[in-house]
Amino acid sequence: MASGKQYAAINSMLDQINSCLDHLEEKNDHLHARLQELLESNRQTRLEFQQQLGETPGDASL
């Protein structure tokens, strides 16, 4: 059987693991938000590029 000290040590380790997981979740959320920003920026840039191509005369076939 585990003693009170062993339970306290296990609880402490679980608290540390929980803290690490919380930190990783925060980082993951931040990275996900940043990725969404980058994807939207890329989408906007691509649309602008396509619009510019559509506004130029049909010289692409030359």
PDB file of N, CA and C in Angstrom:
ATOM      1  N   MET A   1       0.837  -1.201   0.000  1.00  0.00           N
ATOM      2  CA  MET A   1       0.000   0.000   0.000  1.00  0.00           C
ATOM      3  C   MET A   1       0.868   1.245   0.000  1.00  0.00           C
ATOM      4  N   ALA A   2       0.386   2.262  -0.679  1.00  0.00           N
ATOM      5  CA  ALA A   2       1.121   3.524  -0.759  1.00  0.00           C
ATOM      6  C   ALA A   2       0.906   4.313   0.530  1.00  0.00           C
ATOM      7  N   SER A   3       1.959   4.979   0.931  1.00  0.00           N
ATOM      8  CA  SER A   3       1.864   5.803   2.130  1.00  0.00           C
ATOM      9  C   SER A   3       1.382   7.199   1.760  1.00  0.00           C
ATOM     10  N   GLY A   4       1.137   8.009   2.777  1.00  0.00           N
ATOM     11  CA  GLY A   4       0.715   9.394   2.550  1.00  0.00           C
ATOM     12  C   GLY A   4       1.740  10.168   1.749  1.00  0.00           C
ATOM     13  N   LYS A   5       3.037   9.900   2.026  1.00  0.00           N
ATOM     14  CA  LYS A   5       4.104  10.589   1.287  1.00  0.00           C
ATOM     15  C   LYS A   5       4.080  10.191  -0.185  1.00  0.00           C
ATOM     16  N   GLN A   6       3.820   8.916  -0.454  1.00  0.00           N
ATOM     17  CA  GLN A   6       3.763   8.450  -1.844  1.00  0.00           C
ATOM     18  C   GLN A   6       2.583   9.086  -2.575  1.00  0.00           C
ATOM     19  N   TYR A   7       1.437   9.164  -1.888  1.00  0.00           N
ATOM     20  CA  TYR A   7       0.280   9.815  -2.499  1.00  0.00           C
ATOM     21  C   TYR A   7       0.574  11.288  -2.773  1.00  0.00           C
ATOM     22  N   ALA A   8       1.235  11.938  -1.833  1.00  0.00           N
ATOM     23  CA  ALA A   8       1.582  13.349  -2.011  1.00  0.00           C
ATOM     24  C   ALA A   8       2.535  13.510  -3.194  1.00  0.00           C
ATOM     25  N   ALA A   9       3.492  12.599  -3.342  1.00  0.00           N
ATOM     26  CA  ALA A   9       4.437  12.667  -4.453  1.00  0.00           C
ATOM     27  C   ALA A   9       3.708  12.437  -5.784  1.00  0.00           C
ATOM     28  N   ILE A  10       2.793  11.469  -5.784  1.00  0.00           N
ATOM     29  CA  ILE A  10       2.016  11.204  -7.000  1.00  0.00           C
ATOM     30  C   ILE A  10       1.161  12.416  -7.351  1.00  0.00           C
ATOM     31  N   ASN A  11       0.515  13.001  -6.360  1.00  0.00           N
ATOM     32  CA  ASN A  11      -0.302  14.192  -6.594  1.00  0.00           C
ATOM     33  C   ASN A  11       0.535  15.334  -7.136  1.00  0.00           C
ATOM     34  N   SER A  12       1.730  15.497  -6.592  1.00  0.00           N
ATOM     35  CA  SER A  12       2.622  16.549  -7.066  1.00  0.00           C
ATOM     36  C   SER A  12       3.015  16.318  -8.523  1.00  0.00           C
ATOM     37  N   MET A  13       3.351  15.075  -8.856  1.00  0.00           N
ATOM     38  CA  MET A  13       3.701  14.756 -10.244  1.00  0.00           C
ATOM     39  C   MET A  13       2.514  14.991 -11.175  1.00  0.00           C
ATOM     40  N   LEU A  14       1.327  14.587 -10.725  1.00  0.00           N
ATOM     41  CA  LEU A  14       0.131  14.809 -11.549  1.00  0.00           C
ATOM     42  C   LEU A  14      -0.134  16.296 -11.744  1.00  0.00           C
ATOM     43  N   ASP A  15       0.089  17.090 -10.712  1.00  0.00           N
ATOM     44  CA  ASP A  15      -0.065  18.539 -10.840  1.00  0.00           C
ATOM     45  C   ASP A  15       0.926  19.109 -11.855  1.00  0.00           C
ATOM     46  N   GLN A  16       2.162  18.627 -11.825  1.00  0.00           N
ATOM     47  CA  GLN A  16       3.169  19.089 -12.782  1.00  0.00           C
ATOM     48  C   GLN A  16       2.781  18.690 -14.206  1.00  0.00           C
ATOM     49  N   ILE A  17       2.322  17.461 -14.373  1.00  0.00           N
ATOM     50  CA  ILE A  17       1.887  16.994 -15.698  1.00  0.00           C
ATOM     51  C   ILE A  17       0.719  17.843 -16.187  1.00  0.00           C
ATOM     52  N   ASN A  18      -0.230  18.094 -15.293  1.00  0.00           N
ATOM     53  CA  ASN A  18      -1.386  18.920 -15.639  1.00  0.00           C
ATOM     54  C   ASN A  18      -0.952  20.317 -16.068  1.00  0.00           C
ATOM     55  N   SER A  19      -0.011  20.877 -15.354  1.00  0.00           N
ATOM     56  CA  SER A  19       0.504  22.202 -15.683  1.00  0.00           C
ATOM     57  C   SER A  19       1.171  22.199 -17.056  1.00  0.00           C
ATOM     58  N   CYS A  20       1.964  21.174 -17.323  1.00  0.00           N
ATOM     59  CA  CYS A  20       2.617  21.058 -18.636  1.00  0.00           C
ATOM     60  C   CYS A  20       1.586  20.917 -19.752  1.00  0.00           C
ATOM     61  N   LEU A  21       0.563  20.108 -19.516  1.00  0.00           N
ATOM     62  CA  LEU A  21      -0.482  19.923 -20.526  1.00  0.00           C
ATOM     63  C   LEU A  21      -1.246  21.226 -20.777  1.00  0.00           C
ATOM     64  N   ASP A  22      -1.513  21.975 -19.711  1.00  0.00           N
ATOM     65  CA  ASP A  22      -2.173  23.277 -19.870  1.00  0.00           C
ATOM     66  C   ASP A  22      -1.318  24.213 -20.716  1.00  0.00           C
ATOM     67  N   HIS A  23      -0.014  24.212 -20.436  1.00  0.00           N
ATOM     68  CA  HIS A  23       0.920  25.058 -21.186  1.00  0.00           C
ATOM     69  C   HIS A  23       0.941  24.648 -22.662  1.00  0.00           C
ATOM     70  N   LEU A  24       0.998  23.353 -22.922  1.00  0.00           N
ATOM     71  CA  LEU A  24       0.989  22.864 -24.302  1.00  0.00           C
ATOM     72  C   LEU A  24      -0.316  23.223 -25.004  1.00  0.00           C
ATOM     73  N   GLU A  25      -1.419  23.141 -24.287  1.00  0.00           N
ATOM     74  CA  GLU A  25      -2.715  23.487 -24.877  1.00  0.00           C
ATOM     75  C   GLU A  25      -2.760  24.965 -25.253  1.00  0.00           C
ATOM     76  N   GLU A  26      -2.215  25.818 -24.384  1.00  0.00           N
ATOM     77  CA  GLU A  26      -2.141  27.247 -24.690  1.00  0.00           C
ATOM     78  C   GLU A  26      -1.303  27.494 -25.936  1.00  0.00           C
ATOM     79  N   LYS A  27      -0.138  26.836 -26.008  1.00  0.00           N
ATOM     80  CA  LYS A  27       0.723  26.990 -27.185  1.00  0.00           C
ATOM     81  C   LYS A  27       0.023  26.500 -28.440  1.00  0.00           C
ATOM     82  N   ASN A  28      -0.662  25.371 -28.322  1.00  0.00           N
ATOM     83  CA  ASN A  28      -1.386  24.817 -29.459  1.00  0.00           C
ATOM     84  C   ASN A  28      -2.475  25.778 -29.927  1.00  0.00           C
ATOM     85  N   ASP A  29      -3.212  26.355 -28.985  1.00  0.00           N
ATOM     86  CA  ASP A  29      -4.249  27.322 -29.331  1.00  0.00           C
ATOM     87  C   ASP A  29      -3.649  28.532 -30.038  1.00  0.00           C
ATOM     88  N   HIS A  30      -2.503  29.003 -29.533  1.00  0.00           N
ATOM     89  CA  HIS A  30      -1.831  30.153 -30.146  1.00  0.00           C
ATOM     90  C   HIS A  30      -1.377  29.812 -31.562  1.00  0.00           C
ATOM     91  N   LEU A  31      -0.779  28.639 -31.730  1.00  0.00           N
ATOM     92  CA  LEU A  31      -0.314  28.219 -33.054  1.00  0.00           C
ATOM     93  C   LEU A  31      -1.485  28.050 -34.016  1.00  0.00           C
ATOM     94  N   HIS A  32      -2.580  27.505 -33.527  1.00  0.00           N
ATOM     95  CA  HIS A  32      -3.759  27.317 -34.370  1.00  0.00           C
ATOM     96  C   HIS A  32      -4.295  28.675 -34.831  1.00  0.00           C
ATOM     97  N   ALA A  33      -4.376  29.626 -33.915  1.00  0.00           N
ATOM     98  CA  ALA A  33      -4.856  30.963 -34.275  1.00  0.00           C
ATOM     99  C   ALA A  33      -3.921  31.611 -35.295  1.00  0.00           C
ATOM    100  N   ARG A  34      -2.619  31.456 -35.095  1.00  0.00           N
ATOM    101  CA  ARG A  34      -1.644  32.033 -36.032  1.00  0.00           C
ATOM    102  C   ARG A  34      -1.755  31.374 -37.406  1.00  0.00           C
ATOM    103  N   LEU A  35      -1.935  30.066 -37.424  1.00  0.00           N
ATOM    104  CA  LEU A  35      -2.104  29.348 -38.687  1.00  0.00           C
ATOM    105  C   LEU A  35      -3.340  29.834 -39.425  1.00  0.00           C
ATOM    106  N   GLN A  36      -4.438  30.043 -38.693  1.00  0.00           N
ATOM    107  CA  GLN A  36      -5.656  30.560 -39.316  1.00  0.00           C
ATOM    108  C   GLN A  36      -5.401  31.927 -39.938  1.00  0.00           C
ATOM    109  N   GLU A  37      -4.642  32.779 -39.227  1.00  0.00           N
ATOM    110  CA  GLU A  37      -4.298  34.102 -39.761  1.00  0.00           C
ATOM    111  C   GLU A  37      -3.488  33.970 -41.045  1.00  0.00           C
ATOM    112  N   LEU A  38      -2.509  33.078 -41.031  1.00  0.00           N
ATOM    113  CA  LEU A  38      -1.666  32.890 -42.209  1.00  0.00           C
ATOM    114  C   LEU A  38      -2.456  32.342 -43.385  1.00  0.00           C
ATOM    115  N   LEU A  39      -3.362  31.411 -43.123  1.00  0.00           N
ATOM    116  CA  LEU A  39      -4.192  30.859 -44.191  1.00  0.00           C
ATOM    117  C   LEU A  39      -5.087  31.937 -44.795  1.00  0.00           C
ATOM    118  N   GLU A  40      -5.660  32.761 -43.949  1.00  0.00           N
ATOM    119  CA  GLU A  40      -6.521  33.836 -44.452  1.00  0.00           C
ATOM    120  C   GLU A  40      -5.713  34.849 -45.251  1.00  0.00           C
ATOM    121  N   SER A  41      -4.525  35.178 -44.772  1.00  0.00           N
ATOM    122  CA  SER A  41      -3.650  36.096 -45.497  1.00  0.00           C
ATOM    123  C   SER A  41      -3.287  35.524 -46.858  1.00  0.00           C
ATOM    124  N   ASN A  42      -2.961  34.246 -46.890  1.00  0.00           N
ATOM    125  CA  ASN A  42      -2.621  33.580 -48.143  1.00  0.00           C
ATOM    126  C   ASN A  42      -3.808  33.581 -49.101  1.00  0.00           C
ATOM    127  N   ARG A  43      -4.990  33.342 -48.564  1.00  0.00           N
ATOM    128  CA  ARG A  43      -6.212  33.341 -49.382  1.00  0.00           C
ATOM    129  C   ARG A  43      -6.439  34.720 -50.001  1.00  0.00           C
ATOM    130  N   GLN A  44      -6.262  35.770 -49.177  1.00  0.00           N
ATOM    131  CA  GLN A  44      -6.449  37.130 -49.672  1.00  0.00           C
ATOM    132  C   GLN A  44      -5.414  37.473 -50.752  1.00  0.00           C
ATOM    133  N   THR A  45      -4.173  37.099 -50.513  1.00  0.00           N
ATOM    134  CA  THR A  45      -3.105  37.362 -51.487  1.00  0.00           C
ATOM    135  C   THR A  45      -3.391  36.648 -52.800  1.00  0.00           C
ATOM    136  N   ARG A  46      -3.832  35.413 -52.713  1.00  0.00           N
ATOM    137  CA  ARG A  46      -4.139  34.647 -53.920  1.00  0.00           C
ATOM    138  C   ARG A  46      -5.285  35.284 -54.696  1.00  0.00           C
ATOM    139  N   LEU A  47      -6.330  35.739 -53.974  1.00  0.00           N
ATOM    140  CA  LEU A  47      -7.457  36.394 -54.641  1.00  0.00           C
ATOM    141  C   LEU A  47      -7.011  37.673 -55.337  1.00  0.00           C
ATOM    142  N   GLU A  48      -6.175  38.456 -54.649  1.00  0.00           N
ATOM    143  CA  GLU A  48      -5.672  39.694 -55.246  1.00  0.00           C
ATOM    144  C   GLU A  48      -4.835  39.384 -56.487  1.00  0.00           C
ATOM    145  N   PHE A  49      -4.026  38.371 -56.410  1.00  0.00           N
ATOM    146  CA  PHE A  49      -3.190  37.976 -57.547  1.00  0.00           C
ATOM    147  C   PHE A  49      -4.060  37.532 -58.728  1.00  0.00           C
ATOM    148  N   GLN A  50      -5.077  36.747 -58.435  1.00  0.00           N
ATOM    149  CA  GLN A  50      -5.986  36.292 -59.491  1.00  0.00           C
ATOM    150  C   GLN A  50      -6.731  37.472 -60.117  1.00  0.00           C
ATOM    151  N   GLN A  51      -7.110  38.438 -59.288  1.00  0.00           N
ATOM    152  CA  GLN A  51      -7.795  39.619 -59.814  1.00  0.00           C
ATOM    153  C   GLN A  51      -6.855  40.421 -60.714  1.00  0.00           C
ATOM    154  N   GLN A  52      -5.601  40.552 -60.306  1.00  0.00           N
ATOM    155  CA  GLN A  52      -4.635  41.275 -61.129  1.00  0.00           C
ATOM    156  C   GLN A  52      -4.433  40.560 -62.456  1.00  0.00           C
ATOM    157  N   LEU A  53      -4.343  39.258 -62.439  1.00  0.00           N
ATOM    158  CA  LEU A  53      -4.188  38.488 -63.681  1.00  0.00           C
ATOM    159  C   LEU A  53      -5.408  38.677 -64.573  1.00  0.00           C
ATOM    160  N   GLY A  54      -6.573  38.735 -63.982  1.00  0.00           N
ATOM    161  CA  GLY A  54      -7.795  38.896 -64.752  1.00  0.00           C
ATOM    162  C   GLY A  54      -7.917  40.282 -65.354  1.00  0.00           C
ATOM    163  N   GLU A  55      -7.244  41.274 -64.758  1.00  0.00           N
ATOM    164  CA  GLU A  55      -7.343  42.650 -65.258  1.00  0.00           C
ATOM    165  C   GLU A  55      -6.335  42.943 -66.366  1.00  0.00           C
ATOM    166  N   THR A  56      -5.342  42.074 -66.517  1.00  0.00           N
ATOM    167  CA  THR A  56      -4.337  42.329 -67.563  1.00  0.00           C
ATOM    168  C   THR A  56      -4.852  41.852 -68.905  1.00  0.00           C
ATOM    169  N   PRO A  57      -4.387  42.464 -69.974  1.00  0.00           N
ATOM    170  CA  PRO A  57      -4.799  42.006 -71.306  1.00  0.00           C
ATOM    171  C   PRO A  57      -4.345  40.565 -71.542  1.00  0.00           C
ATOM    172  N   GLY A  58      -4.944  39.904 -72.510  1.00  0.00           N
ATOM    173  CA  GLY A  58      -4.653  38.507 -72.787  1.00  0.00           C
ATOM    174  C   GLY A  58      -3.332  38.295 -73.499  1.00  0.00           C
ATOM    175  N   ASP A  59      -2.245  38.794 -72.904  1.00  0.00           N
ATOM    176  CA  ASP A  59      -0.906  38.646 -73.502  1.00  0.00           C
ATOM    177  C   ASP A  59      -0.261  37.324 -73.116  1.00  0.00           C
ATOM    178  N   ALA A  60      -0.900  36.546 -72.270  1.00  0.00           N
ATOM    179  CA  ALA A  60      -0.281  35.319 -71.767  1.00  0.00           C
ATOM    180  C   ALA A  60      -0.059  34.311 -72.884  1.00  0.00           C
ATOM    181  N   SER A  61      -0.824  34.418 -73.972  1.00  0.00           N
ATOM    182  CA  SER A  61      -0.692  33.418 -75.050  1.00  0.00           C
ATOM    183  C   SER A  61       0.489  33.716 -75.979  1.00  0.00           C
ATOM    184  N   LEU A  62       1.144  34.868 -75.807  1.00  0.00           N
ATOM    185  CA  LEU A  62       2.258  35.215 -76.702  1.00  0.00           C
ATOM    186  C   LEU A  62       3.510  34.466 -76.405  1.00  0.00           C
TER     187      LEU A  62
END
